[in-house]
Each structure stands twice: as structure tokens, then as C-alpha cells.
Amino acid sequence: MSDEQWFYCLVHKTVEPGAGCRAADRLGPYPDKETAARALEIARERTEAQDKADRDWDKGKG
């Protein structure tokens, strides 16, 4: 397994290795290029899960 990290650049909409655009413009790090390519999907899934947890908490289920 490699120690290399991958990022998704929000400006260029591309996957980048460790040295790339500034951190504020990137999502990551991810363990591999394939996972970094799914960065927006992963972020959407995490946001939906947290939104559900927040709704459940508001309803007294949390």
C-alpha cells in the first residue's frame, strides 16, 4: 500500500496527487486516485447522512 495521497480539485474538477492546488480548493486526502474521483459523491453521501441524523435528533430520536 502506498503512502501517496490524492485530492479532488474543486476549481479544475480533476483528481490531483499530493502536490497540487491550494488546500482550500481541494477535497481530501483520499487513499487512492479512484476514491478521490468519487469525492463529490462521497461528500453528498456524508451530507445526506448527517442531515438525516440532524432530523432524527430534532425529532428526539438521537
C-alpha atoms as a PDB file:
ATOM      1  CA  MET A   1       0.000   0.000   0.000  1.00  0.00           C
ATOM      2  CA  SER A   2       1.280   3.422  -0.967  1.00  0.00           C
ATOM      3  CA  ASP A   3       1.592   6.431   1.342  1.00  0.00           C
ATOM      4  CA  GLU A   4       0.631   8.643  -1.585  1.00  0.00           C
ATOM      5  CA  GLN A   5      -2.432  10.827  -1.042  1.00  0.00           C
ATOM      6  CA  TRP A   6      -4.907  12.022  -3.627  1.00  0.00           C
ATOM      7  CA  PHE A   7      -7.186  15.047  -3.710  1.00  0.00           C
ATOM      8  CA  TYR A   8     -10.103  16.322  -5.766  1.00  0.00           C
ATOM      9  CA  CYS A   9      -9.645  19.899  -7.003  1.00  0.00           C
ATOM     10  CA  LEU A  10     -12.900  21.872  -6.910  1.00  0.00           C
ATOM     11  CA  VAL A  11     -11.519  24.546  -9.249  1.00  0.00           C
ATOM     12  CA  HIS A  12     -10.325  22.266 -12.056  1.00  0.00           C
ATOM     13  CA  LYS A  13     -12.705  19.376 -11.278  1.00  0.00           C
ATOM     14  CA  THR A  14      -9.846  16.909 -11.503  1.00  0.00           C
ATOM     15  CA  VAL A  15      -8.005  14.440  -9.308  1.00  0.00           C
ATOM     16  CA  GLU A  16      -4.561  15.570  -8.148  1.00  0.00           C
ATOM     17  CA  PRO A  17      -1.677  13.937  -6.301  1.00  0.00           C
ATOM     18  CA  GLY A  18      -0.393  15.467  -3.050  1.00  0.00           C
ATOM     19  CA  ALA A  19       1.275  18.434  -4.713  1.00  0.00           C
ATOM     20  CA  GLY A  20      -1.452  20.399  -6.435  1.00  0.00           C
ATOM     21  CA  CYS A  21      -3.788  23.329  -5.984  1.00  0.00           C
ATOM     22  CA  ARG A  22      -4.155  25.102  -2.654  1.00  0.00           C
ATOM     23  CA  ALA A  23      -5.809  23.175   0.156  1.00  0.00           C
ATOM     24  CA  ALA A  24      -8.847  25.479   0.315  1.00  0.00           C
ATOM     25  CA  ASP A  25      -9.759  24.401  -3.224  1.00  0.00           C
ATOM     26  CA  ARG A  26      -9.472  20.652  -2.661  1.00  0.00           C
ATOM     27  CA  LEU A  27     -11.275  17.760  -1.004  1.00  0.00           C
ATOM     28  CA  GLY A  28      -9.221  15.031   0.594  1.00  0.00           C
ATOM     29  CA  PRO A  29      -6.890  13.448   1.201  1.00  0.00           C
ATOM     30  CA  TYR A  30      -8.068  10.128  -0.196  1.00  0.00           C
ATOM     31  CA  PRO A  31      -6.067   6.897  -0.192  1.00  0.00           C
ATOM     32  CA  ASP A  32      -6.139   6.387  -3.955  1.00  0.00           C
ATOM     33  CA  LYS A  33      -6.982   8.059  -7.235  1.00  0.00           C
ATOM     34  CA  GLU A  34     -10.244   6.143  -7.694  1.00  0.00           C
ATOM     35  CA  THR A  35     -11.599   7.229  -4.317  1.00  0.00           C
ATOM     36  CA  ALA A  36     -10.586  10.850  -4.962  1.00  0.00           C
ATOM     37  CA  ALA A  37     -12.514  10.706  -8.239  1.00  0.00           C
ATOM     38  CA  ARG A  38     -15.634   9.942  -6.145  1.00  0.00           C
ATOM     39  CA  ALA A  39     -15.042  12.897  -3.795  1.00  0.00           C
ATOM     40  CA  LEU A  40     -18.223  14.767  -4.684  1.00  0.00           C
ATOM     41  CA  GLU A  41     -20.316  11.614  -4.374  1.00  0.00           C
ATOM     42  CA  ILE A  42     -18.728  10.824  -1.001  1.00  0.00           C
ATOM     43  CA  ALA A  43     -19.361  14.377   0.215  1.00  0.00           C
ATOM     44  CA  ARG A  44     -23.004  14.177  -0.902  1.00  0.00           C
ATOM     45  CA  GLU A  45     -23.493  10.831   0.884  1.00  0.00           C
ATOM     46  CA  ARG A  46     -21.945  12.183   4.091  1.00  0.00           C
ATOM     47  CA  THR A  47     -24.063  15.339   3.946  1.00  0.00           C
ATOM     48  CA  GLU A  48     -27.258  13.335   3.430  1.00  0.00           C
ATOM     49  CA  ALA A  49     -26.383  11.032   6.333  1.00  0.00           C
ATOM     50  CA  GLN A  50     -25.654  13.985   8.622  1.00  0.00           C
ATOM     51  CA  ASP A  51     -28.837  15.765   7.546  1.00  0.00           C
ATOM     52  CA  LYS A  52     -30.818  12.625   8.454  1.00  0.00           C
ATOM     53  CA  ALA A  53     -29.041  12.400  11.816  1.00  0.00           C
ATOM     54  CA  ASP A  54     -29.894  16.059  12.470  1.00  0.00           C
ATOM     55  CA  ARG A  55     -33.575  15.481  11.597  1.00  0.00           C
ATOM     56  CA  ASP A  56     -33.675  12.417  13.852  1.00  0.00           C
ATOM     57  CA  TRP A  57     -32.062  14.404  16.657  1.00  0.00           C
ATOM     58  CA  ASP A  58     -34.605  17.196  16.236  1.00  0.00           C
ATOM     59  CA  LYS A  59     -37.414  14.612  16.493  1.00  0.00           C
ATOM     60  CA  GLY A  60     -35.952  13.259  19.729  1.00  0.00           C
ATOM     61  CA  LYS A  61     -34.590  10.043  18.235  1.00  0.00           C
ATOM     62  CA  GLY A  62     -30.947  10.893  18.811  1.00  0.00           C
END
